[in-house]
Amino acid sequence: MSLATASRLDSPAMDAWKRDIIAAGPKQFGHEGMMAKPYGFQIMSNLMVKGRFDSGFLDDYGTAVRTFETSKGRQFNPAAVWGNPGIAAQLDYSGKGGTAGSDPMTGYLKAVSHNPDYATEFFLKELPSDGPYTPRKTMADYLFTEREFYDEDDPFGRGDGTMQSREALGKALLAAGSGVNPDEPHLVTSYDHTQEQRDVLDKSLKVLAGKGDDFPPELRDDMAALLGNHGDMVHRTTSSLDTAESPLDYRNVLEVSKQVSRSQGAYGILMEGVNQAIVSDINAPHKGDPKEELLRAGQTVGFMESVRYQALDTDKGDASWPAKWGYHVAGGAVNFVPVVGDALQRGVDAGAYAWQLEEQARIDEKLVVEKRDDFRVRQDYLKALGEEWSRVNPDHALSVEGDEYLRQSAIATAALNGNKSANGEAGV
């Protein structure tokens, strides 16, 4: 914490310290007679997991780490260099029981996540070109598609498979796209974002959608939270009648939502964010016939039902999620999903309760994907959203007592359309 605070001090002594620390990165340190001689990058990165470091230092340090890695050539293997038992030492004692902390990218990316302004800049930063005829790449391209990651608990494949550096990458991405430090409690009250934060979302959707079923599982929960943080854009995209005109790339949102939905916790975060966005849209002031918000709600529900079934199909119908759905199952999602107003929250709670019960029934019944044209829509969830819409629009013709069937028919038809659009785009 002291180092992070000191890094923001503008003084000749601190400038010299930063230069010296970066210059020491490629060097190895140790004692005579001891095998373990970690690199300076490994030592310093483990001192960067707390606090907010200066943006300029983070930029210079990250450039130096990447330069060191790429100088080893295209066949650079981080596990063989950083995770080599002959050089790795016990560097990080902040975890339970202490972890090796051998990959310097882990501590560095944690530091990036604690400085959201720099994190946004970091993911959009263009890297030096490989030649006059090669496209310019960004740090996002390097970290998502080029760099190898490994399980620091055991670089030779006997750990639990979770890659700590990718966990840190997810947190840095979340900070970059939301403008919020994921390790600080906060309350988000609007969907306002800078253009740069929206660019991070666009870039990450494009790159991660391109990975298909190789989407890293460590990124699922953070990407779900980021989609919820931009829930207004996601809802406008998933409820588009013309997918070519949606604010986000429809196909990319479809693929990433499918990959997110393969994990129970991440799926819960995604649905909580989408539910919040739908109810917020219903409650927001609009011009024209408010029936549009009812139909958009149904269209998005149909889209989300499609990606859930596609996720089940990808994992061969495995309904092995063990946890029971409970109130606010997503937990940390509320730190990133915009929350406004008590009246709106009641509608959000009613919707969340309905979809959670229906999802629990799906798990209890061990439902598998059936190869047929029709599908089981979320009738209770659609009913809850329809009732919230009528509460907001009591004078509309579809809110007249006795016409509930017409209202539910409208939102259910929209859900079918949303499902068919998503299935068609995915080739299902």
Protein backbone atom coordinates (compact mmCIF):
# COMPACT_ATOMS: atom_id res chain seq x y z
CA MET A 1 0.00 0.00 0.00
CA SER A 2 2.86 2.35 0.85
CA LEU A 3 4.61 1.65 -2.45
CA ALA A 4 1.40 2.27 -4.39
CA THR A 5 0.82 5.59 -2.64
CA ALA A 6 4.45 6.64 -3.03
CA SER A 7 4.38 5.87 -6.76
CA ARG A 8 2.00 8.78 -7.25
CA LEU A 9 4.46 11.24 -5.70
CA ASP A 10 6.10 13.55 -8.24
CA SER A 11 9.75 13.74 -7.20
CA PRO A 12 13.19 13.02 -8.73
CA ALA A 13 13.80 10.29 -6.12
CA MET A 14 10.56 8.48 -6.96
CA ASP A 15 11.22 8.81 -10.69
CA ALA A 16 14.62 7.21 -10.16
CA TRP A 17 13.10 4.42 -8.06
CA LYS A 18 10.61 3.59 -10.81
CA ARG A 19 13.35 3.42 -13.44
CA ASP A 20 15.52 1.23 -11.23
CA ILE A 21 12.68 -1.17 -10.39
CA ILE A 22 11.82 -1.65 -14.07
CA ALA A 23 15.49 -2.07 -15.01
CA ALA A 24 15.80 -4.75 -12.32
CA GLY A 25 12.86 -6.73 -13.75
CA PRO A 26 14.84 -8.99 -16.12
CA LYS A 27 17.51 -9.73 -13.49
CA GLN A 28 17.46 -12.68 -11.10
CA PHE A 29 17.90 -12.31 -7.36
CA GLY A 30 18.90 -14.86 -4.74
CA HIS A 31 21.52 -16.02 -2.24
CA GLU A 32 24.64 -18.10 -2.72
CA GLY A 33 23.91 -21.80 -2.50
CA MET A 34 20.15 -21.39 -3.06
CA MET A 35 18.45 -22.56 -6.25
CA ALA A 36 15.43 -20.27 -6.03
CA LYS A 37 16.36 -17.07 -7.83
CA PRO A 38 13.23 -15.25 -8.96
CA TYR A 39 13.25 -12.45 -11.51
CA GLY A 40 12.81 -8.87 -10.41
CA PHE A 41 9.47 -8.78 -12.26
CA GLN A 42 8.22 -11.66 -10.09
CA ILE A 43 9.26 -9.94 -6.87
CA MET A 44 7.84 -6.53 -7.77
CA SER A 45 4.55 -7.86 -9.16
CA ASN A 46 3.87 -9.56 -5.83
CA LEU A 47 4.28 -6.18 -4.14
CA MET A 48 1.66 -4.63 -6.45
CA VAL A 49 -1.46 -6.58 -5.44
CA LYS A 50 -2.74 -3.83 -3.13
CA GLY A 51 -3.26 -0.10 -3.54
CA ARG A 52 -3.51 2.22 -6.54
CA PHE A 53 -0.26 2.65 -8.46
CA ASP A 54 0.58 5.60 -10.69
CA SER A 55 -0.71 5.24 -14.26
CA GLY A 56 2.59 6.18 -15.86
CA PHE A 57 4.47 3.60 -13.81
CA LEU A 58 1.90 0.90 -14.62
CA ASP A 59 2.28 1.69 -18.31
CA ASP A 60 6.09 1.55 -18.27
CA TYR A 61 6.18 -1.55 -16.08
CA GLY A 62 3.64 -3.45 -18.19
CA THR A 63 5.50 -2.56 -21.37
CA ALA A 64 8.72 -3.89 -19.83
CA VAL A 65 7.12 -7.20 -18.80
CA ARG A 66 5.64 -7.75 -22.25
CA THR A 67 8.92 -6.76 -23.93
CA PHE A 68 10.76 -9.33 -21.79
CA GLU A 69 8.25 -12.04 -22.69
CA THR A 70 8.18 -11.30 -26.42
CA SER A 71 11.99 -11.05 -26.55
CA LYS A 72 12.03 -14.79 -25.86
CA GLY A 73 10.42 -15.35 -29.26
CA ARG A 74 7.08 -16.71 -30.41
CA GLN A 75 7.64 -19.95 -28.54
CA PHE A 76 7.85 -18.22 -25.14
CA ASN A 77 6.39 -20.50 -22.48
CA PRO A 78 5.50 -18.59 -19.27
CA ALA A 79 5.19 -21.78 -17.23
CA ALA A 80 8.72 -22.84 -18.15
CA VAL A 81 10.22 -19.43 -17.33
CA TRP A 82 8.13 -17.92 -14.54
CA GLY A 83 6.90 -21.23 -13.11
CA ASN A 84 10.21 -23.09 -13.24
CA PRO A 85 10.70 -24.62 -9.74
CA GLY A 86 14.40 -23.87 -10.12
CA ILE A 87 13.78 -20.12 -9.98
CA ALA A 88 10.33 -19.61 -8.45
CA ALA A 89 10.24 -18.81 -4.74
CA GLN A 90 7.50 -18.32 -2.15
CA LEU A 91 6.67 -14.77 -3.14
CA ASP A 92 3.04 -14.15 -2.23
CA TYR A 93 1.89 -14.67 1.36
CA SER A 94 -1.40 -12.79 0.97
CA GLY A 95 -3.41 -15.84 -0.06
CA LYS A 96 -4.75 -18.63 2.12
CA GLY A 97 -1.74 -20.71 3.05
CA GLY A 98 0.44 -18.69 0.70
CA THR A 99 0.61 -19.19 -3.06
CA ALA A 100 3.64 -19.29 -5.29
CA GLY A 101 2.74 -16.07 -7.11
CA SER A 102 5.20 -16.95 -9.82
CA ASP A 103 3.55 -15.28 -12.84
CA PRO A 104 4.36 -11.55 -12.70
CA MET A 105 1.34 -10.81 -14.90
CA THR A 106 -0.96 -11.77 -12.00
CA GLY A 107 0.15 -9.09 -9.55
CA TYR A 108 0.52 -6.56 -12.34
CA LEU A 109 -3.02 -7.10 -13.63
CA LYS A 110 -4.35 -6.81 -10.08
CA ALA A 111 -2.63 -3.42 -9.89
CA VAL A 112 -4.19 -2.46 -13.23
CA SER A 113 -7.67 -3.35 -11.90
CA HIS A 114 -7.15 -1.00 -8.93
CA ASN A 115 -6.61 1.94 -11.31
CA PRO A 116 -9.71 1.87 -13.54
CA ASP A 117 -8.74 4.96 -15.54
CA TYR A 118 -5.49 3.35 -16.55
CA ALA A 119 -7.16 -0.03 -17.06
CA THR A 120 -9.33 1.49 -19.81
CA GLU A 121 -6.27 2.95 -21.49
CA PHE A 122 -4.37 -0.33 -21.02
CA PHE A 123 -6.83 -2.56 -22.90
CA LEU A 124 -7.08 -0.15 -25.84
CA LYS A 125 -3.34 0.52 -26.05
CA GLU A 126 -1.92 -0.21 -29.48
CA LEU A 127 1.24 -2.30 -29.56
CA PRO A 128 4.21 -1.79 -31.89
CA SER A 129 3.47 -3.18 -35.35
CA ASP A 130 5.10 -6.43 -36.45
CA GLY A 131 5.51 -4.98 -39.93
CA PRO A 132 4.02 -2.57 -42.48
CA TYR A 133 1.46 -5.08 -43.70
CA THR A 134 0.25 -6.51 -40.40
CA PRO A 135 -2.75 -5.08 -38.53
CA ARG A 136 -2.10 -3.17 -35.33
CA LYS A 137 -2.82 -5.16 -32.20
CA THR A 138 -3.79 -4.03 -28.72
CA MET A 139 -2.96 -5.29 -25.25
CA ALA A 140 -6.37 -6.96 -25.31
CA ASP A 141 -5.32 -8.96 -28.37
CA TYR A 142 -2.05 -9.98 -26.70
CA LEU A 143 -3.59 -11.05 -23.39
CA PHE A 144 -6.75 -12.69 -24.76
CA THR A 145 -5.37 -14.49 -27.80
CA GLU A 146 -1.57 -14.65 -27.81
CA ARG A 147 -0.16 -14.98 -24.31
CA GLU A 148 -0.14 -18.38 -22.62
CA PHE A 149 -1.32 -18.77 -19.02
CA TYR A 150 -0.68 -21.51 -16.48
CA ASP A 151 -1.83 -22.72 -13.07
CA GLU A 152 0.58 -21.09 -10.64
CA ASP A 153 -0.27 -23.64 -7.93
CA ASP A 154 1.35 -26.23 -10.14
CA PRO A 155 2.80 -25.24 -13.52
CA PHE A 156 3.04 -28.91 -14.57
CA GLY A 157 -0.71 -29.54 -14.54
CA ARG A 158 -1.41 -31.04 -11.13
CA GLY A 159 -3.21 -28.00 -9.70
CA ASP A 160 -6.95 -27.37 -9.83
CA GLY A 161 -6.67 -25.83 -13.27
CA THR A 162 -7.63 -22.30 -12.18
CA MET A 163 -5.23 -19.78 -13.65
CA GLN A 164 -4.70 -16.93 -11.18
CA SER A 165 -3.32 -14.64 -13.86
CA ARG A 166 -6.51 -15.04 -15.90
CA GLU A 167 -8.57 -14.34 -12.78
CA ALA A 168 -6.62 -11.08 -12.46
CA LEU A 169 -7.10 -10.42 -16.18
CA GLY A 170 -10.87 -10.65 -15.71
CA LYS A 171 -10.80 -8.13 -12.86
CA ALA A 172 -8.67 -5.74 -14.93
CA LEU A 173 -11.12 -6.05 -17.84
CA LEU A 174 -14.06 -5.36 -15.55
CA ALA A 175 -12.36 -2.22 -14.22
CA ALA A 176 -11.52 -1.09 -17.75
CA GLY A 177 -15.05 -1.41 -19.10
CA SER A 178 -16.93 -0.21 -16.01
CA GLY A 179 -14.62 2.46 -14.59
CA VAL A 180 -14.94 0.82 -11.17
CA ASN A 181 -12.32 -0.86 -8.97
CA PRO A 182 -13.67 -4.42 -8.45
CA ASP A 183 -12.08 -4.66 -4.99
CA GLU A 184 -13.74 -1.54 -3.56
CA PRO A 185 -17.38 -1.48 -2.34
CA HIS A 186 -19.43 0.94 -4.39
CA LEU A 187 -22.90 1.68 -5.70
CA VAL A 188 -23.55 2.28 -9.40
CA THR A 189 -26.63 4.39 -10.08
CA SER A 190 -26.59 4.92 -13.85
CA TYR A 191 -25.61 3.33 -17.14
CA ASP A 192 -23.42 6.31 -18.08
CA HIS A 193 -20.07 5.36 -19.60
CA THR A 194 -17.29 7.07 -21.48
CA GLN A 195 -16.77 6.27 -25.14
CA GLU A 196 -13.50 4.57 -24.20
CA GLN A 197 -15.26 2.26 -21.74
CA ARG A 198 -17.75 1.32 -24.44
CA ASP A 199 -14.83 0.68 -26.80
CA VAL A 200 -13.37 -1.74 -24.22
CA LEU A 201 -16.69 -3.60 -24.15
CA ASP A 202 -16.83 -3.76 -27.95
CA LYS A 203 -13.23 -4.94 -28.19
CA SER A 204 -13.59 -7.60 -25.51
CA LEU A 205 -16.84 -8.91 -27.03
CA LYS A 206 -15.19 -9.24 -30.44
CA VAL A 207 -12.02 -10.95 -29.21
CA LEU A 208 -13.69 -13.27 -26.69
CA ALA A 209 -16.54 -14.24 -29.02
CA GLY A 210 -13.87 -15.32 -31.48
CA LYS A 211 -12.59 -17.88 -28.96
CA GLY A 212 -15.86 -19.83 -29.14
CA ASP A 213 -15.95 -22.77 -26.73
CA ASP A 214 -12.33 -22.04 -25.76
CA PHE A 215 -13.59 -19.00 -23.85
CA PRO A 216 -11.54 -19.00 -20.58
CA PRO A 217 -13.79 -20.04 -17.65
CA GLU A 218 -11.92 -17.63 -15.33
CA LEU A 219 -13.36 -14.71 -17.32
CA ARG A 220 -17.02 -15.77 -17.23
CA ASP A 221 -18.10 -14.03 -14.01
CA ASP A 222 -16.25 -10.79 -14.80
CA MET A 223 -17.62 -10.66 -18.34
CA ALA A 224 -21.11 -11.28 -16.96
CA ALA A 225 -20.69 -8.38 -14.54
CA LEU A 226 -19.41 -6.16 -17.35
CA LEU A 227 -22.45 -7.00 -19.50
CA GLY A 228 -24.68 -6.13 -16.54
CA ASN A 229 -22.79 -2.86 -16.05
CA HIS A 230 -23.67 -2.01 -19.67
CA GLY A 231 -27.10 -3.61 -19.31
CA ASP A 232 -28.92 -0.88 -21.22
CA MET A 233 -26.82 -1.54 -24.33
CA VAL A 234 -27.14 -5.30 -23.92
CA HIS A 235 -30.95 -5.08 -23.59
CA ARG A 236 -31.24 -2.81 -26.63
CA THR A 237 -29.09 -5.28 -28.58
CA THR A 238 -30.83 -8.50 -27.54
CA SER A 239 -34.28 -6.97 -28.15
CA SER A 240 -33.40 -5.63 -31.63
CA LEU A 241 -35.68 -6.56 -34.48
CA ASP A 242 -32.92 -5.71 -36.94
CA THR A 243 -29.75 -7.28 -35.53
CA ALA A 244 -27.63 -5.35 -38.01
CA GLU A 245 -28.74 -2.10 -36.38
CA SER A 246 -28.20 -3.09 -32.73
CA PRO A 247 -25.89 -0.89 -30.60
CA LEU A 248 -23.56 -3.84 -29.88
CA ASP A 249 -22.63 -6.59 -32.28
CA TYR A 250 -25.54 -9.04 -31.91
CA ARG A 251 -23.56 -12.14 -32.81
CA ASN A 252 -20.75 -11.28 -30.37
CA VAL A 253 -23.20 -10.67 -27.53
CA LEU A 254 -24.89 -13.97 -28.38
CA GLU A 255 -21.68 -16.01 -28.28
CA VAL A 256 -20.28 -14.38 -25.14
CA SER A 257 -23.62 -14.72 -23.31
CA LYS A 258 -23.65 -18.41 -24.22
CA GLN A 259 -20.14 -18.91 -22.85
CA VAL A 260 -20.96 -16.98 -19.66
CA SER A 261 -24.05 -19.16 -19.17
CA ARG A 262 -21.94 -22.30 -18.86
CA SER A 263 -21.16 -21.47 -15.19
CA GLN A 264 -23.90 -21.20 -12.59
CA GLY A 265 -22.47 -18.20 -10.76
CA ALA A 266 -21.67 -16.29 -13.94
CA TYR A 267 -25.10 -17.10 -15.38
CA GLY A 268 -26.70 -15.74 -12.20
CA ILE A 269 -24.72 -12.50 -12.53
CA LEU A 270 -25.71 -12.17 -16.18
CA MET A 271 -29.40 -12.75 -15.51
CA GLU A 272 -29.45 -10.37 -12.56
CA GLY A 273 -27.90 -7.69 -14.75
CA VAL A 274 -30.27 -8.32 -17.65
CA ASN A 275 -33.30 -8.38 -15.34
CA GLN A 276 -32.24 -5.03 -13.85
CA ALA A 277 -31.88 -3.53 -17.34
CA ILE A 278 -35.29 -4.79 -18.48
CA VAL A 279 -37.09 -3.40 -15.43
CA SER A 280 -35.15 -0.13 -15.67
CA ASP A 281 -36.26 0.23 -19.30
CA ILE A 282 -39.88 -0.44 -18.35
CA ASN A 283 -39.70 2.29 -15.70
CA ALA A 284 -37.82 4.86 -17.79
CA PRO A 285 -39.65 7.70 -19.57
CA HIS A 286 -40.28 7.00 -23.27
CA LYS A 287 -41.99 8.57 -26.24
CA GLY A 288 -44.65 6.68 -28.17
CA ASP A 289 -46.59 3.57 -27.22
CA PRO A 290 -45.15 1.97 -24.05
CA LYS A 291 -46.08 -1.43 -25.51
CA GLU A 292 -42.63 -1.29 -27.11
CA GLU A 293 -40.99 -1.80 -23.69
CA LEU A 294 -43.24 -4.82 -23.05
CA LEU A 295 -42.26 -6.39 -26.36
CA ARG A 296 -38.57 -5.58 -25.86
CA ALA A 297 -38.72 -7.30 -22.47
CA GLY A 298 -40.10 -10.46 -24.06
CA GLN A 299 -37.61 -10.34 -26.93
CA THR A 300 -34.66 -10.21 -24.50
CA VAL A 301 -36.06 -13.03 -22.35
CA GLY A 302 -36.33 -15.20 -25.46
CA PHE A 303 -32.75 -14.36 -26.39
CA MET A 304 -31.49 -15.30 -22.92
CA GLU A 305 -33.45 -18.55 -22.97
CA SER A 306 -31.78 -19.42 -26.25
CA VAL A 307 -28.23 -18.84 -24.97
CA ARG A 308 -29.00 -20.88 -21.84
CA TYR A 309 -30.08 -23.84 -23.97
CA GLN A 310 -27.07 -23.38 -26.25
CA ALA A 311 -24.83 -23.51 -23.16
CA LEU A 312 -26.53 -26.74 -22.04
CA ASP A 313 -26.04 -28.20 -25.49
CA THR A 314 -22.34 -27.25 -25.50
CA ASP A 315 -21.84 -29.13 -22.24
CA LYS A 316 -23.95 -32.08 -23.41
CA GLY A 317 -26.97 -31.32 -21.27
CA ASP A 318 -25.06 -31.52 -17.99
CA ALA A 319 -27.47 -30.29 -15.30
CA SER A 320 -24.97 -30.77 -12.50
CA TRP A 321 -25.14 -27.30 -10.96
CA PRO A 322 -25.29 -28.16 -7.25
CA ALA A 323 -26.25 -24.84 -5.68
CA LYS A 324 -29.75 -23.75 -4.81
CA TRP A 325 -30.81 -20.45 -6.26
CA GLY A 326 -31.42 -17.88 -3.55
CA TYR A 327 -32.31 -14.24 -3.32
CA HIS A 328 -29.61 -12.20 -5.08
CA VAL A 329 -27.61 -15.29 -5.98
CA ALA A 330 -25.14 -13.18 -7.91
CA GLY A 331 -23.77 -11.50 -4.81
CA GLY A 332 -21.12 -9.17 -6.21
CA ALA A 333 -23.23 -8.27 -9.23
CA VAL A 334 -24.94 -5.48 -7.33
CA ASN A 335 -21.57 -3.75 -7.17
CA PHE A 336 -21.65 -3.29 -10.95
CA VAL A 337 -25.29 -3.41 -11.98
CA PRO A 338 -26.87 0.07 -11.79
CA VAL A 339 -29.52 0.25 -9.05
CA VAL A 340 -32.02 3.13 -8.88
CA GLY A 341 -35.15 3.65 -6.77
CA ASP A 342 -37.16 1.57 -4.30
CA ALA A 343 -40.20 1.21 -6.57
CA LEU A 344 -38.03 -0.07 -9.40
CA GLN A 345 -36.25 -2.46 -7.02
CA ARG A 346 -39.53 -4.16 -6.15
CA GLY A 347 -40.02 -4.96 -9.83
CA VAL A 348 -36.44 -6.19 -10.08
CA ASP A 349 -36.90 -8.43 -7.05
CA ALA A 350 -40.14 -9.93 -8.42
CA GLY A 351 -38.47 -10.73 -11.74
CA ALA A 352 -35.35 -12.20 -10.10
CA TYR A 353 -37.43 -14.40 -7.83
CA ALA A 354 -39.42 -15.76 -10.78
CA TRP A 355 -36.47 -16.66 -13.00
CA GLN A 356 -34.55 -18.17 -10.09
CA LEU A 357 -37.45 -20.50 -9.23
CA GLU A 358 -37.77 -21.56 -12.85
CA GLU A 359 -34.04 -22.18 -13.15
CA GLN A 360 -34.08 -24.24 -9.96
CA ALA A 361 -36.89 -26.34 -11.41
CA ARG A 362 -34.79 -26.88 -14.52
CA ILE A 363 -31.90 -28.14 -12.36
CA ASP A 364 -34.09 -30.30 -10.12
CA GLU A 365 -35.72 -31.95 -13.11
CA LYS A 366 -32.31 -32.47 -14.76
CA LEU A 367 -33.66 -30.95 -17.95
CA VAL A 368 -31.60 -31.60 -21.06
CA VAL A 369 -31.73 -29.96 -24.44
CA GLU A 370 -34.33 -31.46 -26.69
CA LYS A 371 -33.83 -31.30 -30.43
CA ARG A 372 -37.13 -29.81 -31.42
CA ASP A 373 -38.45 -26.54 -32.76
CA ASP A 374 -40.46 -25.44 -29.73
CA PHE A 375 -38.93 -24.55 -26.38
CA ARG A 376 -39.94 -23.98 -22.79
CA VAL A 377 -40.14 -20.24 -22.18
CA ARG A 378 -40.02 -18.68 -18.74
CA GLN A 379 -43.75 -18.26 -18.21
CA ASP A 380 -43.53 -17.10 -14.58
CA TYR A 381 -40.73 -14.66 -15.36
CA LEU A 382 -42.66 -13.25 -18.32
CA LYS A 383 -45.74 -12.93 -16.12
CA ALA A 384 -43.76 -11.01 -13.47
CA LEU A 385 -42.38 -8.62 -16.09
CA GLY A 386 -45.83 -8.14 -17.58
CA GLU A 387 -47.26 -7.26 -14.17
CA GLU A 388 -44.45 -4.77 -13.58
CA TRP A 389 -45.15 -3.19 -16.96
CA SER A 390 -48.86 -2.83 -16.09
CA ARG A 391 -47.97 -1.27 -12.74
CA VAL A 392 -45.95 1.37 -14.58
CA ASN A 393 -48.57 1.78 -17.35
CA PRO A 394 -51.95 1.38 -15.57
CA ASP A 395 -53.89 3.36 -18.21
CA HIS A 396 -52.74 1.30 -21.19
CA ALA A 397 -55.29 -0.93 -22.92
CA LEU A 398 -53.25 -4.03 -22.11
CA SER A 399 -53.41 -3.18 -18.39
CA VAL A 400 -57.22 -3.20 -18.23
CA GLU A 401 -58.54 -5.75 -15.75
CA GLY A 402 -59.64 -8.82 -17.62
CA ASP A 403 -57.16 -8.33 -20.47
CA GLU A 404 -54.21 -10.07 -18.77
CA TYR A 405 -54.33 -12.75 -21.46
CA LEU A 406 -53.72 -10.19 -24.20
CA ARG A 407 -50.79 -8.69 -22.29
CA GLN A 408 -49.19 -12.07 -21.63
CA SER A 409 -49.78 -13.16 -25.21
CA ALA A 410 -47.91 -10.08 -26.43
CA ILE A 411 -44.84 -10.59 -24.23
CA ALA A 412 -44.80 -14.36 -24.83
CA THR A 413 -44.93 -13.88 -28.60
CA ALA A 414 -42.05 -11.44 -28.35
CA ALA A 415 -40.11 -14.04 -26.34
CA LEU A 416 -40.67 -16.60 -29.10
CA ASN A 417 -39.41 -14.09 -31.65
CA GLY A 418 -36.34 -13.36 -29.54
CA ASN A 419 -35.64 -17.06 -29.22
CA LYS A 420 -35.99 -17.68 -32.93
CA SER A 421 -33.74 -14.72 -33.78
CA ALA A 422 -31.01 -15.95 -31.43
CA ASN A 423 -31.33 -19.54 -32.60
CA GLY A 424 -31.21 -18.44 -36.24
CA GLU A 425 -28.10 -16.32 -35.69
CA ALA A 426 -26.41 -19.25 -33.92
CA GLY A 427 -27.46 -21.74 -36.58
CA VAL A 428 -29.50 -23.76 -34.09
